N, C-alpha and C. Protein backbone atom coordinates (compact mmCIF):
# COMPACT_ATOMS: atom_id res chain seq x y z
N MET A 1 -2.15 -2.80 -5.30
CA MET A 1 -1.42 -3.12 -4.11
C MET A 1 -1.96 -4.43 -3.58
N ARG A 2 -1.06 -5.33 -3.16
CA ARG A 2 -1.47 -6.60 -2.55
C ARG A 2 -1.05 -6.58 -1.10
N LEU A 3 -2.01 -6.74 -0.21
CA LEU A 3 -1.77 -6.63 1.23
C LEU A 3 -1.82 -7.99 1.90
N THR A 4 -0.85 -8.24 2.77
CA THR A 4 -0.86 -9.42 3.62
C THR A 4 -1.04 -8.95 5.06
N PRO A 5 -2.24 -9.13 5.62
CA PRO A 5 -2.45 -8.75 7.02
C PRO A 5 -1.83 -9.80 7.94
N LYS A 6 -1.60 -9.42 9.19
CA LYS A 6 -0.96 -10.30 10.17
C LYS A 6 0.35 -10.85 9.62
N GLY A 7 1.11 -9.96 8.94
CA GLY A 7 2.33 -10.37 8.28
C GLY A 7 3.58 -10.32 9.14
N GLY A 8 3.44 -10.01 10.43
CA GLY A 8 4.59 -10.02 11.32
C GLY A 8 5.36 -8.73 11.41
N ARG A 9 5.24 -7.89 10.39
CA ARG A 9 5.90 -6.58 10.39
C ARG A 9 5.20 -5.69 9.38
N ASP A 10 5.47 -4.40 9.49
CA ASP A 10 4.93 -3.45 8.52
C ASP A 10 6.01 -3.14 7.51
N ALA A 11 5.78 -3.50 6.25
CA ALA A 11 6.80 -3.29 5.23
C ALA A 11 6.19 -3.32 3.84
N ILE A 12 6.82 -2.58 2.95
CA ILE A 12 6.52 -2.66 1.52
C ILE A 12 7.64 -3.48 0.92
N GLU A 13 7.28 -4.54 0.20
CA GLU A 13 8.25 -5.54 -0.21
C GLU A 13 8.51 -5.62 -1.70
N GLY A 14 8.19 -4.59 -2.44
CA GLY A 14 8.49 -4.61 -3.87
C GLY A 14 7.28 -4.92 -4.72
N VAL A 15 7.55 -5.40 -5.92
CA VAL A 15 6.51 -5.64 -6.93
C VAL A 15 6.29 -7.13 -7.08
N GLU A 16 5.03 -7.52 -7.25
CA GLU A 16 4.66 -8.92 -7.45
C GLU A 16 3.77 -9.02 -8.69
N ALA A 17 3.96 -10.06 -9.48
CA ALA A 17 3.11 -10.32 -10.63
C ALA A 17 1.97 -11.23 -10.20
N LEU A 18 0.75 -10.80 -10.46
CA LEU A 18 -0.43 -11.62 -10.14
C LEU A 18 -0.68 -12.62 -11.25
N ALA A 19 -1.51 -13.61 -10.98
CA ALA A 19 -1.81 -14.66 -11.97
C ALA A 19 -2.44 -14.09 -13.24
N ASP A 20 -3.15 -12.96 -13.12
CA ASP A 20 -3.79 -12.37 -14.30
C ASP A 20 -2.86 -11.47 -15.10
N GLY A 21 -1.59 -11.38 -14.70
CA GLY A 21 -0.60 -10.59 -15.44
C GLY A 21 -0.38 -9.19 -14.91
N ARG A 22 -1.21 -8.74 -13.99
CA ARG A 22 -1.02 -7.41 -13.42
C ARG A 22 0.16 -7.41 -12.46
N ASN A 23 0.88 -6.30 -12.42
CA ASN A 23 1.93 -6.11 -11.43
C ASN A 23 1.39 -5.20 -10.34
N VAL A 24 1.64 -5.59 -9.09
CA VAL A 24 1.16 -4.82 -7.95
C VAL A 24 2.29 -4.64 -6.95
N LEU A 25 2.18 -3.59 -6.17
CA LEU A 25 3.10 -3.36 -5.07
C LEU A 25 2.66 -4.27 -3.93
N LYS A 26 3.62 -4.99 -3.34
CA LYS A 26 3.32 -5.95 -2.28
C LYS A 26 3.65 -5.35 -0.93
N ALA A 27 2.71 -5.45 0.02
CA ALA A 27 2.91 -4.91 1.36
C ALA A 27 2.40 -5.90 2.40
N ARG A 28 2.95 -5.79 3.61
CA ARG A 28 2.47 -6.58 4.74
C ARG A 28 2.36 -5.68 5.95
N VAL A 29 1.38 -5.96 6.78
CA VAL A 29 1.20 -5.20 8.02
C VAL A 29 0.97 -6.18 9.17
N ARG A 30 1.28 -5.74 10.37
CA ARG A 30 1.08 -6.57 11.56
C ARG A 30 -0.39 -6.68 11.95
N ALA A 31 -1.17 -5.69 11.62
CA ALA A 31 -2.58 -5.63 12.04
C ALA A 31 -3.41 -6.74 11.42
N ALA A 32 -4.40 -7.19 12.17
CA ALA A 32 -5.34 -8.19 11.69
C ALA A 32 -6.39 -7.52 10.80
N PRO A 33 -6.99 -8.30 9.89
CA PRO A 33 -8.00 -7.72 9.00
C PRO A 33 -9.38 -7.62 9.64
N GLU A 34 -9.43 -7.07 10.82
CA GLU A 34 -10.69 -6.95 11.54
C GLU A 34 -11.00 -5.48 11.80
N ASN A 35 -12.22 -5.10 11.54
CA ASN A 35 -12.69 -3.73 11.78
C ASN A 35 -11.85 -2.68 11.06
N GLY A 36 -11.31 -3.03 9.92
CA GLY A 36 -10.55 -2.07 9.11
C GLY A 36 -9.14 -1.77 9.61
N ARG A 37 -8.67 -2.51 10.62
CA ARG A 37 -7.35 -2.21 11.18
C ARG A 37 -6.22 -2.44 10.19
N ALA A 38 -6.30 -3.49 9.38
CA ALA A 38 -5.24 -3.74 8.40
C ALA A 38 -5.23 -2.63 7.34
N ASN A 39 -6.40 -2.17 6.93
CA ASN A 39 -6.46 -1.07 5.95
C ASN A 39 -5.88 0.21 6.54
N GLU A 40 -6.19 0.49 7.80
CA GLU A 40 -5.63 1.68 8.45
C GLU A 40 -4.11 1.58 8.55
N ALA A 41 -3.61 0.39 8.86
CA ALA A 41 -2.16 0.20 8.93
C ALA A 41 -1.51 0.37 7.56
N LEU A 42 -2.20 -0.10 6.52
CA LEU A 42 -1.68 0.07 5.16
C LEU A 42 -1.62 1.54 4.79
N ILE A 43 -2.65 2.28 5.10
CA ILE A 43 -2.66 3.72 4.81
C ILE A 43 -1.51 4.41 5.54
N ALA A 44 -1.29 4.07 6.79
CA ALA A 44 -0.18 4.66 7.55
C ALA A 44 1.16 4.28 6.95
N LEU A 45 1.30 3.04 6.52
CA LEU A 45 2.55 2.57 5.91
C LEU A 45 2.85 3.31 4.61
N ILE A 46 1.85 3.45 3.76
CA ILE A 46 2.05 4.15 2.49
C ILE A 46 2.36 5.62 2.74
N ALA A 47 1.62 6.24 3.64
CA ALA A 47 1.86 7.65 3.95
C ALA A 47 3.29 7.85 4.46
N SER A 48 3.74 6.97 5.31
CA SER A 48 5.09 7.06 5.84
C SER A 48 6.13 6.88 4.74
N ALA A 49 5.93 5.89 3.89
CA ALA A 49 6.89 5.62 2.81
C ALA A 49 6.98 6.79 1.82
N LEU A 50 5.85 7.45 1.58
CA LEU A 50 5.82 8.57 0.64
C LEU A 50 6.08 9.92 1.31
N ARG A 51 6.19 9.89 2.64
CA ARG A 51 6.33 11.12 3.43
C ARG A 51 5.18 12.08 3.13
N ALA A 52 3.99 11.50 3.16
CA ALA A 52 2.77 12.25 2.88
C ALA A 52 1.85 12.17 4.10
N PRO A 53 0.98 13.13 4.28
CA PRO A 53 0.00 13.04 5.37
C PRO A 53 -0.94 11.85 5.15
N LYS A 54 -1.33 11.17 6.22
CA LYS A 54 -2.25 10.05 6.11
C LYS A 54 -3.57 10.46 5.46
N SER A 55 -3.95 11.71 5.64
CA SER A 55 -5.22 12.18 5.07
C SER A 55 -5.21 12.20 3.55
N THR A 56 -4.03 12.12 2.92
CA THR A 56 -3.96 12.12 1.46
C THR A 56 -4.04 10.72 0.86
N VAL A 57 -3.99 9.69 1.69
CA VAL A 57 -4.00 8.31 1.21
C VAL A 57 -5.36 7.69 1.50
N SER A 58 -5.93 7.03 0.50
CA SER A 58 -7.21 6.35 0.70
C SER A 58 -7.26 5.08 -0.13
N ILE A 59 -8.10 4.17 0.29
CA ILE A 59 -8.33 2.93 -0.45
C ILE A 59 -9.56 3.13 -1.30
N ARG A 60 -9.38 3.09 -2.61
CA ARG A 60 -10.48 3.37 -3.54
C ARG A 60 -11.28 2.12 -3.88
N ALA A 61 -10.64 0.96 -3.88
CA ALA A 61 -11.33 -0.29 -4.21
C ALA A 61 -10.63 -1.44 -3.50
N GLY A 62 -11.40 -2.46 -3.16
CA GLY A 62 -10.83 -3.65 -2.56
C GLY A 62 -10.66 -3.59 -1.06
N ALA A 63 -11.48 -2.82 -0.37
CA ALA A 63 -11.33 -2.67 1.08
C ALA A 63 -11.40 -4.00 1.81
N THR A 64 -12.13 -4.98 1.28
CA THR A 64 -12.23 -6.29 1.93
C THR A 64 -11.45 -7.37 1.19
N SER A 65 -10.64 -6.96 0.25
CA SER A 65 -9.85 -7.89 -0.56
C SER A 65 -8.37 -7.71 -0.26
N ARG A 66 -7.56 -8.68 -0.62
CA ARG A 66 -6.11 -8.53 -0.47
C ARG A 66 -5.55 -7.57 -1.52
N VAL A 67 -6.16 -7.55 -2.70
CA VAL A 67 -5.71 -6.66 -3.76
C VAL A 67 -6.54 -5.39 -3.69
N LYS A 68 -5.86 -4.26 -3.54
CA LYS A 68 -6.53 -2.99 -3.30
C LYS A 68 -6.07 -1.95 -4.31
N THR A 69 -6.92 -0.99 -4.57
CA THR A 69 -6.56 0.18 -5.34
C THR A 69 -6.40 1.32 -4.35
N VAL A 70 -5.20 1.89 -4.33
CA VAL A 70 -4.89 2.95 -3.38
C VAL A 70 -4.73 4.26 -4.14
N PHE A 71 -5.26 5.33 -3.58
CA PHE A 71 -5.16 6.66 -4.17
C PHE A 71 -4.40 7.57 -3.22
N VAL A 72 -3.47 8.34 -3.79
CA VAL A 72 -2.73 9.33 -3.01
C VAL A 72 -3.00 10.69 -3.65
N ALA A 73 -3.64 11.58 -2.90
CA ALA A 73 -3.97 12.91 -3.40
C ALA A 73 -2.73 13.78 -3.43
N GLY A 74 -2.71 14.70 -4.35
CA GLY A 74 -1.60 15.64 -4.45
C GLY A 74 -0.92 15.55 -5.79
N ALA A 75 0.10 16.36 -5.95
CA ALA A 75 0.85 16.40 -7.21
C ALA A 75 1.73 15.16 -7.31
N PRO A 76 1.60 14.38 -8.38
CA PRO A 76 2.40 13.16 -8.53
C PRO A 76 3.90 13.41 -8.44
N ALA A 77 4.35 14.56 -8.89
CA ALA A 77 5.78 14.85 -8.86
C ALA A 77 6.34 14.82 -7.44
N LEU A 78 5.49 15.09 -6.45
CA LEU A 78 5.94 15.06 -5.06
C LEU A 78 6.32 13.66 -4.61
N TYR A 79 5.75 12.65 -5.24
CA TYR A 79 5.92 11.28 -4.78
C TYR A 79 6.76 10.41 -5.71
N LEU A 80 7.21 10.93 -6.84
CA LEU A 80 7.93 10.11 -7.82
C LEU A 80 9.20 9.49 -7.25
N ASP A 81 10.01 10.24 -6.53
CA ASP A 81 11.24 9.69 -5.98
C ASP A 81 10.95 8.58 -4.99
N ALA A 82 9.98 8.81 -4.11
CA ALA A 82 9.65 7.80 -3.11
C ALA A 82 9.08 6.54 -3.79
N LEU A 83 8.27 6.71 -4.81
CA LEU A 83 7.72 5.55 -5.52
C LEU A 83 8.81 4.78 -6.23
N ALA A 84 9.77 5.46 -6.81
CA ALA A 84 10.87 4.79 -7.49
C ALA A 84 11.66 3.93 -6.51
N LYS A 85 11.81 4.37 -5.27
CA LYS A 85 12.52 3.59 -4.27
C LYS A 85 11.71 2.38 -3.81
N LEU A 86 10.39 2.51 -3.82
CA LEU A 86 9.52 1.41 -3.40
C LEU A 86 9.45 0.30 -4.44
N ALA A 87 9.49 0.68 -5.70
CA ALA A 87 9.33 -0.29 -6.79
C ALA A 87 10.46 -0.17 -7.79
N PRO A 88 11.67 -0.62 -7.42
CA PRO A 88 12.79 -0.49 -8.34
C PRO A 88 12.58 -1.34 -9.58
N ASN A 89 13.15 -0.90 -10.69
CA ASN A 89 13.00 -1.63 -11.97
C ASN A 89 13.85 -2.87 -11.99
């Protein structure tokens, strides 16, 4: 996931190709990257998009980076439809 803090709105904007060839989900949040506020906003955004409790979403790597590894606990089948809508082919 690639996060843009202070992005003017909270939104997931599709898939972006990074310079190293990886594809990531692109998101922006209004919160500033201070005291973990942007990360908290990202967790809330993902939880809302997946219709999952915020407690199931966590940042596994990249807490201080724009590129993050996000983990969502639970059965993957619960989130497949929502993920397909977030990242259309």
